[in-house]
Amino acid sequence: MPLTVHQFPCLSDNYGFLARDEATGLAACIDTPEAGAILRELDKLGWKLALILNTHWHPDHAGGNEEIKKATGCTVVGPAEVTRLSPIDREVRGGDHVMLGETRFEVLESGGHTLGHIAYYDADDGVAFVGDTLFALGCGRLFEGKPDQMWASLQRLAALPDDTRVYCAHEYTASNARFALSVDDDPALVRRADEIFAARERGEPTVPTTIGLEKATNPFLRAPLLAGRVGASGKADYEAFAAVRAAKDMFKG
């Protein structure tokens, strides 16, 4: 039976995600940006929370762990780095898997934004929860990792099937689109940017995205093709990515 994903806004620009295994009725919360909002959504839906699945340790992703665990008795799963903020019940890393009822999540290494960042991939339903590694038209800042690590993580995600639905944790897409247009004029990107700006004017979310759409239009995945535009001609692919990331870090648009 399929996985049902419920998405809702949290904090100023985060999304909360609740995922329910329809075979058993068990639910997981992917990251805990805002405990109160998450608990209200659970109550509204009438879902039983079995798991918290953390992607990384930042407070807007794991800050609600303790309050939600206290309220629900759920099991907290995540990379070891989450213990910098709060305890976890089960440590996982790339190559592991987590079962939510009959739904199997593969744990993918996706370090770069933080060193131990991970993603959760449900191959049967074509769903990936990627935290702050990959965004719609963007990627996470390199707070702890280096460009070669982040590039490898992005390539790991890009290798998933094109129709994989990607649930990224923030609504950054309009800002990302403005930057993307500053380094790339591909017609597919221009069309997508117009759609994004219109959607945000209507107050509509731009998440989830898909792997195929990101491969076609995301400047961070297209970095080797944009090397000449960002002063990285003749450089390795990860160095071209580093140049695009540096340009975004300096972008004021």
Protein backbone atom coordinates (compact mmCIF):
# COMPACT_ATOMS: atom_id res chain seq x y z
CA MET A 1 0.00 0.00 0.00
CA PRO A 2 1.22 3.53 -0.68
CA LEU A 3 2.83 6.13 1.52
CA THR A 4 0.75 9.26 2.14
CA VAL A 5 2.69 12.50 2.67
CA HIS A 6 1.14 15.47 4.46
CA GLN A 7 3.02 18.76 4.02
CA PHE A 8 2.46 21.97 6.00
CA PRO A 9 4.33 25.22 6.75
CA CYS A 10 6.44 25.62 9.89
CA LEU A 11 8.46 28.53 11.29
CA SER A 12 9.11 31.27 8.70
CA ASP A 13 10.05 29.17 5.67
CA ASN A 14 10.32 25.51 6.74
CA TYR A 15 7.99 22.71 5.73
CA GLY A 16 6.85 19.98 8.06
CA PHE A 17 6.30 16.51 6.64
CA LEU A 18 4.25 13.68 8.08
CA ALA A 19 4.38 10.38 6.20
CA ARG A 20 1.84 7.58 6.84
CA ASP A 21 2.28 3.94 5.88
CA GLU A 22 -1.21 3.07 4.68
CA ALA A 23 -0.76 -0.66 5.30
CA THR A 24 -0.36 -0.22 9.05
CA GLY A 25 -1.47 3.35 9.79
CA LEU A 26 1.89 4.20 11.37
CA ALA A 27 3.30 7.66 10.72
CA ALA A 28 6.71 9.30 10.72
CA CYS A 29 7.68 12.92 11.12
CA ILE A 30 10.59 13.91 8.91
CA ASP A 31 12.54 16.45 10.99
CA THR A 32 10.95 18.50 13.77
CA PRO A 33 11.14 22.20 12.91
CA GLU A 34 8.24 23.23 15.14
CA ALA A 35 6.88 20.83 17.74
CA GLY A 36 3.59 22.62 18.34
CA ALA A 37 2.67 22.77 14.67
CA ILE A 38 3.58 19.11 14.16
CA LEU A 39 1.55 17.92 17.15
CA ARG A 40 -1.45 19.95 15.97
CA GLU A 41 -1.28 18.38 12.52
CA LEU A 42 -1.03 14.89 14.01
CA ASP A 43 -4.08 15.58 16.15
CA LYS A 44 -6.02 17.01 13.21
CA LEU A 45 -5.22 13.99 11.03
CA GLY A 46 -5.66 11.44 13.80
CA TRP A 47 -2.36 9.79 12.87
CA LYS A 48 -0.27 7.67 15.27
CA LEU A 49 3.36 8.82 15.28
CA ALA A 50 5.85 5.97 15.40
CA LEU A 51 9.06 7.62 14.22
CA ILE A 52 10.94 10.88 13.97
CA LEU A 53 13.37 10.71 11.05
CA ASN A 54 16.01 13.42 11.40
CA THR A 55 18.15 14.44 8.43
CA HIS A 56 20.67 16.54 10.39
CA TRP A 57 21.27 18.29 13.67
CA HIS A 58 20.29 21.92 13.01
CA PRO A 59 17.66 23.29 15.44
CA ASP A 60 15.12 23.97 12.67
CA HIS A 61 15.28 20.24 11.87
CA ALA A 62 15.74 18.53 15.24
CA GLY A 63 14.71 21.19 17.73
CA GLY A 64 11.30 19.66 18.39
CA ASN A 65 12.51 16.11 19.02
CA GLU A 66 12.22 16.01 22.79
CA GLU A 67 8.80 17.67 23.01
CA ILE A 68 7.34 15.43 20.32
CA LYS A 69 8.85 12.26 21.79
CA LYS A 70 7.48 13.18 25.22
CA ALA A 71 4.00 13.74 23.76
CA THR A 72 3.86 10.64 21.54
CA GLY A 73 6.38 8.09 22.78
CA CYS A 74 7.82 7.79 19.27
CA THR A 75 11.29 6.50 18.38
CA VAL A 76 13.86 9.10 17.28
CA VAL A 77 16.06 8.02 14.36
CA GLY A 78 18.87 10.06 12.85
CA PRO A 79 22.57 10.53 12.23
CA ALA A 80 24.91 10.62 15.21
CA GLU A 81 25.36 14.40 14.86
CA VAL A 82 21.79 14.96 16.12
CA THR A 83 23.03 14.15 19.64
CA ARG A 84 24.70 17.57 19.58
CA LEU A 85 21.17 18.89 20.10
CA SER A 86 19.13 16.09 21.71
CA PRO A 87 19.23 12.32 22.33
CA ILE A 88 18.31 9.80 19.63
CA ASP A 89 17.11 6.22 19.99
CA ARG A 90 18.65 4.78 16.84
CA GLU A 91 21.69 6.02 14.93
CA VAL A 92 21.67 5.51 11.17
CA ARG A 93 24.04 6.33 8.33
CA GLY A 94 24.25 5.85 4.58
CA GLY A 95 23.56 2.23 3.60
CA ASP A 96 21.15 1.57 6.49
CA HIS A 97 17.39 1.30 6.16
CA VAL A 98 14.43 2.20 8.36
CA MET A 99 11.04 0.50 8.34
CA LEU A 100 7.82 2.47 8.90
CA GLY A 101 5.31 -0.33 9.05
CA GLU A 102 5.68 -1.93 5.60
CA THR A 103 7.41 1.11 4.05
CA ARG A 104 11.17 0.80 3.65
CA PHE A 105 13.28 3.94 3.72
CA GLU A 106 16.82 3.65 2.43
CA VAL A 107 19.25 5.95 4.22
CA LEU A 108 21.41 7.90 1.77
CA GLU A 109 24.58 9.69 2.78
CA SER A 110 24.15 13.36 1.84
CA GLY A 111 26.79 15.27 3.77
CA GLY A 112 27.97 18.74 2.88
CA HIS A 113 25.50 21.09 4.52
CA THR A 114 26.51 19.30 7.72
CA LEU A 115 29.05 16.51 7.81
CA GLY A 116 26.62 13.78 8.82
CA HIS A 117 23.54 14.87 6.85
CA ILE A 118 21.41 12.01 5.50
CA ALA A 119 18.34 11.61 3.28
CA TYR A 120 15.53 9.05 3.38
CA TYR A 121 14.42 7.37 0.14
CA ASP A 122 11.32 5.22 -0.34
CA ALA A 123 11.96 3.49 -3.67
CA ASP A 124 8.57 1.75 -3.87
CA ASP A 125 6.68 5.04 -3.69
CA GLY A 126 9.31 7.19 -5.43
CA VAL A 127 9.72 9.62 -2.53
CA ALA A 128 12.86 11.22 -1.10
CA PHE A 129 13.11 13.44 1.97
CA VAL A 130 16.34 15.37 1.47
CA GLY A 131 16.47 17.94 4.28
CA ASP A 132 18.81 20.77 3.33
CA THR A 133 20.96 18.97 0.75
CA LEU A 134 18.92 19.61 -2.40
CA PHE A 135 16.36 22.38 -2.83
CA ALA A 136 14.09 23.26 -5.71
CA LEU A 137 16.59 25.13 -7.95
CA GLY A 138 19.10 25.15 -5.09
CA CYS A 139 21.23 23.30 -2.60
CA GLY A 140 22.22 23.81 1.00
CA ARG A 141 25.04 26.06 2.13
CA LEU A 142 28.26 24.29 3.00
CA PHE A 143 28.34 25.03 6.73
CA GLU A 144 30.53 22.04 7.60
CA GLY A 145 31.38 20.07 4.48
CA LYS A 146 33.55 20.78 1.46
CA PRO A 147 32.51 21.13 -2.18
CA ASP A 148 33.65 17.66 -3.23
CA GLN A 149 31.55 16.08 -0.47
CA MET A 150 28.45 18.09 -1.37
CA TRP A 151 28.91 17.43 -5.09
CA ALA A 152 29.09 13.68 -4.39
CA SER A 153 25.92 13.94 -2.28
CA LEU A 154 24.07 15.80 -5.02
CA GLN A 155 25.17 13.22 -7.59
CA ARG A 156 23.90 10.45 -5.31
CA LEU A 157 20.48 12.11 -5.29
CA ALA A 158 20.61 12.87 -9.02
CA ALA A 159 21.07 9.14 -9.67
CA LEU A 160 17.58 8.42 -8.31
CA PRO A 161 14.82 7.90 -10.90
CA ASP A 162 13.73 11.11 -12.61
CA ASP A 163 10.13 10.81 -11.35
CA THR A 164 11.23 10.66 -7.69
CA ARG A 165 9.30 13.26 -5.69
CA VAL A 166 11.76 15.35 -3.69
CA TYR A 167 10.59 16.87 -0.41
CA CYS A 168 13.07 19.59 0.55
CA ALA A 169 12.75 21.37 3.84
CA HIS A 170 12.45 25.06 2.93
CA GLU A 171 10.51 27.37 0.61
CA TYR A 172 13.55 29.05 -0.95
CA THR A 173 12.56 28.53 -4.56
CA ALA A 174 11.80 32.08 -5.73
CA SER A 175 15.14 33.33 -4.40
CA ASN A 176 16.88 30.32 -5.93
CA ALA A 177 15.20 31.04 -9.26
CA ARG A 178 16.45 34.64 -9.28
CA PHE A 179 19.99 33.40 -8.75
CA ALA A 180 19.65 30.63 -11.33
CA LEU A 181 18.63 33.16 -13.98
CA SER A 182 21.78 35.16 -13.23
CA VAL A 183 24.03 32.27 -14.31
CA ASP A 184 21.87 30.32 -16.78
CA ASP A 185 19.52 31.32 -19.58
CA ASP A 186 18.37 27.88 -20.65
CA PRO A 187 14.77 28.10 -21.94
CA ALA A 188 13.58 25.33 -19.60
CA LEU A 189 14.86 27.32 -16.62
CA VAL A 190 13.24 30.54 -17.84
CA ARG A 191 9.88 28.77 -18.20
CA ARG A 192 10.20 27.18 -14.80
CA ALA A 193 11.15 30.46 -13.14
CA ASP A 194 8.07 32.14 -14.58
CA GLU A 195 5.91 29.33 -13.18
CA ILE A 196 7.58 29.61 -9.77
CA PHE A 197 7.11 33.37 -9.50
CA ALA A 198 3.45 33.00 -10.46
CA ALA A 199 2.91 30.18 -7.95
CA ARG A 200 4.46 32.17 -5.13
CA GLU A 201 2.31 35.20 -6.01
CA ARG A 202 -0.69 32.90 -5.51
CA GLY A 203 0.73 31.68 -2.21
CA GLU A 204 1.27 28.15 -3.54
CA PRO A 205 4.17 25.91 -2.44
CA THR A 206 6.88 24.90 -4.88
CA VAL A 207 7.69 21.73 -2.95
CA PRO A 208 7.80 18.85 -3.79
CA THR A 209 9.92 18.91 -6.90
CA THR A 210 11.30 15.96 -8.88
CA ILE A 211 14.77 14.67 -9.62
CA GLY A 212 14.20 15.03 -13.36
CA LEU A 213 13.13 18.65 -13.06
CA GLU A 214 16.13 19.49 -10.91
CA LYS A 215 18.56 17.79 -13.28
CA ALA A 216 17.11 19.85 -16.15
CA THR A 217 17.08 23.27 -14.45
CA ASN A 218 18.95 23.39 -11.12
CA PRO A 219 22.22 25.35 -11.56
CA PHE A 220 23.97 23.32 -8.88
CA LEU A 221 23.29 20.04 -10.68
CA ARG A 222 24.09 21.73 -14.01
CA ALA A 223 27.32 23.27 -12.67
CA PRO A 224 29.71 21.58 -15.16
CA LEU A 225 27.65 23.05 -18.02
CA LEU A 226 27.87 26.51 -16.45
CA ALA A 227 31.59 26.43 -15.67
CA GLY A 228 32.45 29.10 -18.21
CA ARG A 229 29.88 31.50 -16.74
CA VAL A 230 31.28 31.23 -13.21
CA GLY A 231 35.00 31.32 -13.98
CA ALA A 232 35.59 27.59 -13.70
CA SER A 233 36.38 26.58 -17.28
CA GLY A 234 38.54 23.47 -17.42
CA LYS A 235 37.99 22.71 -13.74
CA ALA A 236 36.78 19.44 -12.25
CA ASP A 237 33.02 19.06 -11.89
CA TYR A 238 33.12 19.59 -8.13
CA GLU A 239 35.17 22.76 -8.64
CA ALA A 240 32.56 24.08 -11.06
CA PHE A 241 29.96 23.31 -8.41
CA ALA A 242 32.07 25.16 -5.83
CA ALA A 243 32.15 28.21 -8.12
CA VAL A 244 28.35 28.18 -8.53
CA ARG A 245 27.91 27.77 -4.77
CA ALA A 246 30.28 30.69 -4.11
CA ALA A 247 28.37 32.84 -6.58
CA LYS A 248 25.10 32.05 -4.84
CA ASP A 249 26.62 32.88 -1.44
CA MET A 250 27.49 36.34 -2.77
CA PHE A 251 24.26 36.89 -4.72
CA LYS A 252 22.19 39.89 -3.62
CA GLY A 253 19.22 39.63 -5.99
